[in-house]
Protein backbone atom coordinates (compact mmCIF):
# COMPACT_ATOMS: atom_id res chain seq x y z
CA MET A 1 -140.59 61.00 -3.00
CA LEU A 2 -138.45 64.33 -4.28
CA ARG A 3 -137.34 66.14 -0.88
CA ASN A 4 -134.69 68.27 0.22
CA TYR A 5 -131.21 66.51 1.78
CA ILE A 6 -131.63 67.07 5.60
CA PRO A 7 -129.13 65.92 8.41
CA ALA A 8 -130.91 62.60 9.46
CA ASP A 9 -130.03 61.59 5.94
CA ARG A 10 -125.92 61.50 6.40
CA PRO A 11 -125.67 58.03 7.36
CA ALA A 12 -128.15 56.93 4.08
CA VAL A 13 -125.88 58.99 1.47
CA ALA A 14 -123.21 57.79 2.57
CA ALA A 15 -124.21 54.14 1.84
CA LEU A 16 -125.05 55.23 -1.27
CA TRP A 17 -121.87 56.87 -1.81
CA GLN A 18 -120.24 53.52 -1.94
CA ARG A 19 -122.61 51.91 -4.07
CA SER A 20 -122.90 54.35 -6.95
CA ALA A 21 -120.04 56.72 -7.06
CA VAL A 22 -117.59 53.90 -7.22
CA ARG A 23 -119.24 53.07 -9.82
CA GLN A 24 -118.72 56.36 -11.95
CA GLY A 25 -115.01 56.37 -10.78
CA TYR A 26 -115.22 58.21 -7.49
CA ALA A 27 -112.67 57.15 -4.85
CA PRO A 28 -113.93 55.49 -2.54
CA ARG A 29 -114.37 57.46 1.10
CA THR A 30 -115.52 55.79 4.33
CA PRO A 31 -118.51 58.30 5.59
CA GLY A 32 -115.79 59.76 8.15
CA GLN A 33 -113.44 61.16 5.71
CA LEU A 34 -116.76 61.89 3.31
CA GLY A 35 -117.95 64.57 5.70
CA PRO A 36 -114.97 67.30 4.83
CA LEU A 37 -115.94 66.70 1.09
CA LEU A 38 -119.90 67.42 1.41
CA PHE A 39 -121.70 67.88 4.53
CA GLU A 40 -119.47 69.50 6.36
CA HIS A 41 -117.61 71.38 2.86
CA PRO A 42 -118.31 75.25 3.26
CA TYR A 43 -120.30 75.36 0.09
CA PHE A 44 -122.54 72.75 1.28
CA ASN A 45 -126.43 73.90 1.51
CA SER A 46 -129.43 71.80 1.90
CA ARG A 47 -131.23 74.20 -0.04
CA HIS A 48 -129.38 72.95 -2.93
CA ALA A 49 -129.08 68.89 -1.68
CA PHE A 50 -131.61 66.89 -2.68
CA VAL A 51 -132.52 63.11 -2.10
CA TRP A 52 -134.82 60.56 -3.69
CA GLU A 53 -136.77 59.00 -1.12
CA ASN A 54 -137.15 54.75 -1.60
CA GLY A 55 -139.28 52.05 0.94
CA GLY A 56 -137.87 54.74 3.93
CA GLY A 57 -134.49 54.78 2.58
CA VAL A 58 -132.31 57.12 0.00
CA GLY A 59 -132.31 55.75 -3.74
CA ALA A 60 -131.14 58.63 -5.27
CA PHE A 61 -128.69 61.98 -4.07
CA ILE A 62 -128.00 65.62 -5.87
CA CYS A 63 -126.08 68.22 -4.58
CA GLY A 64 -124.52 71.33 -6.28
CA CYS A 65 -123.47 74.61 -4.36
CA THR A 66 -123.90 78.43 -4.55
CA GLY A 67 -121.32 81.29 -3.95
CA ASP A 68 -120.63 85.25 -5.31
CA ASP A 69 -117.39 84.86 -3.95
CA ILE A 70 -116.48 81.80 -6.42
CA PRO A 71 -116.02 82.24 -10.08
CA ARG A 72 -119.46 83.77 -12.07
CA GLY A 73 -120.80 82.84 -9.06
CA GLY A 74 -122.50 85.81 -9.83
CA GLU A 75 -124.96 83.94 -12.37
CA ARG A 76 -123.80 80.20 -12.03
CA GLY A 77 -125.32 77.71 -9.73
CA TYR A 78 -122.78 74.44 -9.76
CA PHE A 79 -123.41 71.01 -10.20
CA THR A 80 -121.11 68.90 -7.89
CA CYS A 81 -122.73 65.04 -7.84
CA PHE A 82 -125.37 62.94 -8.98
CA LEU A 83 -125.79 59.72 -7.09
CA ALA A 84 -128.53 56.98 -7.54
CA ASP A 85 -128.99 53.15 -7.23
CA GLU A 86 -128.30 51.01 -10.18
CA ALA A 87 -132.20 49.80 -10.38
CA LEU A 88 -133.03 53.64 -10.15
CA ASP A 89 -131.12 55.07 -12.22
CA THR A 90 -133.26 56.04 -14.95
CA PRO A 91 -133.56 58.70 -17.64
CA ALA A 92 -136.78 60.13 -15.98
CA LEU A 93 -135.39 60.07 -12.43
CA CYS A 94 -131.73 61.89 -13.25
CA ALA A 95 -134.30 64.65 -15.18
CA ASP A 96 -136.10 65.28 -11.92
CA MET A 97 -133.34 65.21 -9.66
CA PHE A 98 -131.79 68.43 -11.88
CA ALA A 99 -135.09 70.25 -12.28
CA ALA A 100 -135.49 69.83 -8.45
CA LEU A 101 -131.29 71.41 -8.27
CA GLU A 102 -131.89 73.59 -11.27
CA GLU A 103 -134.98 75.25 -9.27
CA SER A 104 -133.00 76.13 -6.61
CA PHE A 105 -130.21 77.72 -8.64
CA CYS A 106 -132.82 79.82 -10.38
CA ALA A 107 -134.32 80.40 -6.71
CA ALA A 108 -131.01 81.63 -5.70
CA GLY A 109 -130.98 84.36 -8.85
CA LYS A 110 -128.72 82.16 -10.76
CA ARG A 111 -129.13 82.19 -14.45
CA TYR A 112 -127.03 79.38 -15.40
CA SER A 113 -126.08 75.51 -14.29
CA ALA A 114 -122.86 74.42 -14.98
CA VAL A 115 -120.08 71.61 -13.73
CA THR A 116 -116.60 72.61 -14.15
CA PHE A 117 -113.27 73.14 -12.19
CA PHE A 118 -114.75 76.25 -10.22
CA ASN A 119 -117.11 74.39 -8.31
CA PRO A 120 -115.03 74.68 -5.01
CA MET A 121 -116.60 71.27 -3.87
CA ARG A 122 -113.99 68.84 -4.90
CA LEU A 123 -114.42 65.64 -4.96
CA PRO A 124 -111.58 62.58 -6.05
CA TRP A 125 -111.53 59.80 -8.50
CA VAL A 126 -109.52 56.72 -8.80
CA ILE A 127 -106.98 57.11 -12.44
CA PRO A 128 -107.94 54.13 -14.55
CA GLY A 129 -105.39 51.84 -15.07
CA THR A 130 -103.32 53.02 -11.30
CA PRO A 131 -103.08 50.73 -8.00
CA GLY A 132 -105.56 53.07 -6.89
CA PHE A 133 -103.58 56.50 -7.84
CA GLU A 134 -106.04 59.58 -6.88
CA HIS A 135 -106.53 62.97 -8.76
CA ASN A 136 -108.79 65.57 -6.30
CA ASN A 137 -111.09 66.65 -8.69
CA MET A 138 -113.44 66.65 -11.66
CA PRO A 139 -113.33 69.57 -13.97
CA GLY A 140 -116.34 67.96 -15.44
CA VAL A 141 -118.95 65.65 -16.14
CA ALA A 142 -116.57 62.15 -17.36
CA ALA A 143 -117.27 61.31 -21.15
CA GLY A 144 -118.89 57.78 -21.16
CA LEU A 145 -120.76 57.88 -18.83
CA PRO A 146 -124.85 57.91 -18.60
CA LEU A 147 -124.56 60.96 -17.32
CA HIS A 148 -122.84 63.06 -19.43
CA SER A 149 -124.94 62.14 -22.41
CA ARG A 150 -128.58 62.63 -19.68
CA MET A 151 -126.94 66.01 -19.40
CA LEU A 152 -127.00 67.35 -22.72
CA ALA A 153 -130.28 65.81 -23.38
CA GLN A 154 -131.53 67.83 -20.71
CA GLY A 155 -130.08 71.13 -22.50
CA TYR A 156 -126.48 71.74 -21.20
CA THR A 157 -123.96 72.36 -23.56
CA GLU A 158 -120.46 70.92 -23.76
CA ALA A 159 -118.62 74.21 -23.48
CA ALA A 160 -115.20 72.63 -23.55
CA ARG A 161 -113.75 69.12 -23.36
CA GLU A 162 -111.08 68.52 -20.63
CA CYS A 163 -108.60 65.77 -20.98
CA ALA A 164 -107.22 64.32 -18.13
CA MET A 165 -103.34 63.11 -18.38
CA TYR A 166 -101.19 60.41 -16.13
CA ARG A 167 -97.59 59.65 -15.56
CA SER A 168 -95.81 57.58 -13.13
CA LEU A 169 -92.78 59.21 -11.78
CA GLU A 170 -91.18 55.94 -10.97
CA ASP A 171 -89.04 55.96 -13.76
CA PHE A 172 -88.80 59.96 -15.15
CA ALA A 173 -85.36 61.49 -15.74
CA LEU A 174 -84.51 64.42 -17.47
CA PRO A 175 -83.90 63.60 -20.97
CA PRO A 176 -80.79 64.43 -23.43
CA GLU A 177 -82.60 66.71 -25.46
CA ILE A 178 -84.07 68.84 -22.38
CA LYS A 179 -80.34 68.94 -20.70
CA ALA A 180 -79.44 70.91 -24.11
CA LEU A 181 -82.49 72.47 -24.24
CA GLU A 182 -81.19 73.45 -21.00
CA THR A 183 -77.41 74.51 -22.05
CA ARG A 184 -78.84 76.64 -24.67
CA LEU A 185 -80.78 78.93 -23.16
CA ALA A 186 -78.40 79.16 -20.19
CA ALA A 187 -76.16 80.70 -23.17
CA ASP A 188 -78.81 83.57 -23.84
CA GLY A 189 -78.96 84.21 -19.98
CA CYS A 190 -82.11 82.19 -18.88
CA THR A 191 -82.25 79.77 -16.47
CA VAL A 192 -84.69 77.58 -14.14
CA GLN A 193 -84.41 77.63 -10.68
CA PRO A 194 -86.03 77.88 -6.85
CA TYR A 195 -88.20 80.91 -6.59
CA ASP A 196 -85.58 83.50 -3.79
CA PRO A 197 -87.34 86.82 -3.52
CA ALA A 198 -84.00 87.92 -2.37
CA ARG A 199 -82.37 87.68 -5.45
CA HIS A 200 -85.70 87.23 -8.30
CA THR A 201 -87.44 89.97 -9.49
CA GLY A 202 -91.20 90.23 -11.38
CA LEU A 203 -92.81 87.88 -10.15
CA GLU A 204 -96.18 89.81 -9.72
CA GLU A 205 -95.79 91.58 -13.17
CA MET A 206 -94.95 88.02 -14.71
CA LEU A 207 -98.77 87.14 -12.83
CA ALA A 208 -100.43 90.05 -14.06
CA ALA A 209 -99.28 89.53 -17.44
CA LEU A 210 -100.48 85.87 -17.30
CA GLU A 211 -104.13 87.36 -15.60
CA ASN A 212 -105.27 84.49 -14.54
CA PRO A 213 -106.51 84.99 -10.49
CA ASP A 214 -106.58 81.61 -9.50
CA TRP A 215 -102.48 81.31 -10.41
CA THR A 216 -101.82 84.72 -8.98
CA ALA A 217 -103.25 83.60 -5.95
CA GLN A 218 -101.71 80.37 -5.55
CA ILE A 219 -98.18 81.45 -7.12
CA THR A 220 -97.70 84.81 -4.89
CA GLN A 221 -98.73 82.55 -1.65
CA ALA A 222 -96.07 80.48 -2.82
CA GLY A 223 -93.24 83.25 -3.04
CA ARG A 224 -94.68 84.31 0.14
CA THR A 225 -94.24 81.57 2.05
CA GLY A 226 -90.80 79.81 1.33
CA GLN A 227 -92.64 76.84 -0.88
CA MET A 228 -90.69 75.48 -3.40
CA LEU A 229 -91.79 77.20 -6.76
CA PRO A 230 -89.52 76.98 -9.73
CA VAL A 231 -89.14 79.55 -11.68
CA ALA A 232 -88.25 80.81 -15.15
CA LEU A 233 -85.27 83.28 -15.25
CA CYS A 234 -83.98 85.74 -17.96
CA GLY A 235 -81.15 87.24 -15.94
CA SER A 236 -83.09 87.84 -12.49
CA VAL A 237 -86.13 88.85 -13.79
CA VAL A 238 -89.36 86.28 -13.51
CA ALA A 239 -90.04 84.90 -16.81
CA GLY A 240 -92.42 82.55 -15.54
CA PHE A 241 -93.30 78.97 -13.43
CA ALA A 242 -94.09 75.62 -12.75
CA GLY A 243 -95.42 73.99 -9.39
CA PRO A 244 -95.11 74.88 -6.39
CA VAL A 245 -93.93 71.54 -5.56
CA TYR A 246 -95.30 69.37 -3.02
CA PRO A 247 -96.35 66.03 -2.72
CA GLU A 248 -100.17 65.32 -1.45
CA PRO A 249 -100.78 63.09 0.70
CA THR A 250 -102.12 60.72 -1.92
CA GLY A 251 -98.64 60.82 -3.24
CA ARG A 252 -100.01 63.10 -5.95
CA GLY A 253 -97.24 65.40 -7.14
CA TYR A 254 -99.44 69.16 -7.29
CA PHE A 255 -99.68 70.91 -9.97
CA ALA A 256 -101.22 74.42 -10.71
CA GLY A 257 -100.20 75.02 -14.47
CA ILE A 258 -97.38 76.26 -16.10
CA GLY A 259 -97.26 80.31 -17.25
CA ILE A 260 -94.97 82.07 -19.13
CA ALA A 261 -95.41 85.62 -19.56
CA PRO A 262 -96.10 86.66 -22.90
CA ALA A 263 -92.49 88.69 -23.73
CA TYR A 264 -90.87 85.39 -23.15
CA GLN A 265 -93.07 82.92 -24.74
CA GLY A 266 -91.80 81.25 -27.89
CA ARG A 267 -88.08 80.03 -26.85
CA GLY A 268 -88.92 76.33 -24.59
CA LEU A 269 -88.92 77.86 -21.18
CA GLY A 270 -92.08 76.48 -21.15
CA ARG A 271 -91.09 72.92 -21.67
CA LEU A 272 -88.00 73.07 -19.61
CA LEU A 273 -90.25 74.44 -16.19
CA PHE A 274 -92.41 71.27 -16.88
CA PHE A 275 -89.32 68.60 -16.88
CA ARG A 276 -87.99 70.10 -14.17
CA LEU A 277 -91.22 70.56 -11.68
CA CYS A 278 -91.64 66.75 -12.89
CA GLN A 279 -88.05 65.92 -11.50
CA ALA A 280 -88.31 68.02 -8.20
CA GLU A 281 -91.81 66.39 -6.87
CA LYS A 282 -89.77 62.94 -7.61
CA GLU A 283 -86.95 64.04 -5.82
CA ALA A 284 -89.75 65.43 -2.77
CA GLY A 285 -91.40 62.26 -2.66
CA ALA A 286 -94.07 61.83 -5.27
CA ARG A 287 -95.19 58.81 -7.00
CA TYR A 288 -96.85 59.81 -9.67
CA MET A 289 -98.62 63.42 -11.56
CA SER A 290 -101.49 63.67 -12.71
CA LEU A 291 -103.37 67.16 -14.65
CA PHE A 292 -106.29 68.01 -16.79
CA THR A 293 -105.89 70.17 -20.21
CA GLY A 294 -107.81 71.04 -23.25
CA GLU A 295 -108.01 69.21 -25.13
CA THR A 296 -106.75 71.86 -27.89
CA ASN A 297 -104.54 73.20 -25.41
CA HIS A 298 -100.87 73.89 -27.06
CA ALA A 299 -99.18 72.44 -23.58
CA ARG A 300 -100.94 69.24 -24.00
CA LYS A 301 -97.62 68.25 -27.01
CA ILE A 302 -95.24 69.11 -23.32
CA TYR A 303 -96.94 67.02 -21.62
CA GLU A 304 -97.42 64.14 -23.74
CA SER A 305 -93.39 64.71 -24.58
CA ALA A 306 -92.62 64.03 -21.28
CA GLY A 307 -94.74 60.41 -21.34
CA PHE A 308 -97.93 61.70 -19.59
CA GLU A 309 -100.95 59.76 -21.07
CA GLN A 310 -104.52 60.48 -21.69
CA VAL A 311 -106.75 58.73 -19.12
CA ARG A 312 -109.74 60.16 -19.11
CA SER A 313 -112.19 62.63 -20.93
CA PHE A 314 -114.49 65.31 -19.17
CA GLY A 315 -117.22 67.59 -20.79
CA VAL A 316 -117.19 70.95 -19.23
CA LEU A 317 -120.72 71.54 -18.93
CA VAL A 318 -123.32 74.53 -19.01
CA LYS A 319 -126.97 75.18 -19.20
CA GLU A 320 -128.78 78.73 -19.21
CA LEU A 321 -131.87 78.53 -16.97
């Protein structure tokens, strides 16, 4: 029987996570650890969560979320995860579960179902080929999983492809060419330094020029709270940023992105910023870094030059309801 999730299902869904989610590459979590990620998350709502009852137990689970305060949330519902025992994991059951979720989105006034990095319910996954290192969210559905092809068959389209990249920081060091770049830029009055609001100007103007609301929120907060924030400077004017710098509890060096204001692009500031960020994360205690970038994003060349390698690929999927 397919029905809405109720609180009494929580132990069974937590057990299903261990059986099913780990097969998809999600990080293992105890029932207590899973609570804040799913059941206790501010955006979790049983209206958008469904289970498949099987012999008195829970054989499958799907959930998503809505919220007008989520980017594009006025028109979109966001798929979060689909779990199913191997014996029940068929295209037909998957289609039924998604139909229930999509109907709940329609009932909430949404016109699209999507799986993107805008979903505030972030689920960690294990980076392949590492000793259990984790990335803190999936920006889509992993290519190569049956779920990816099933969703395409159910009417979803792949709006973009995101590449997950990884590097251990154990052997990271600034190469000679980056030191030479730093010297050339310094001769032109451009440097990379930790942001100091008492000495540096133009942070807000730089962020406004980049037109990225998420960056504006994160980087403004970092600047106000004194978090270490590497910035590119032309004189004392902020031309770009990378960071902020802090190791997450998993040992991952956090990465919000690299941004260079259009007026200062083409000088190599982004490349220098990224290498300096990696060095700062290592010195702060991070063991590794991982990030996402679009397949055709020019920044990918910067990441590869720093020794990052692609470890997974994710489809950003959208369906008009």
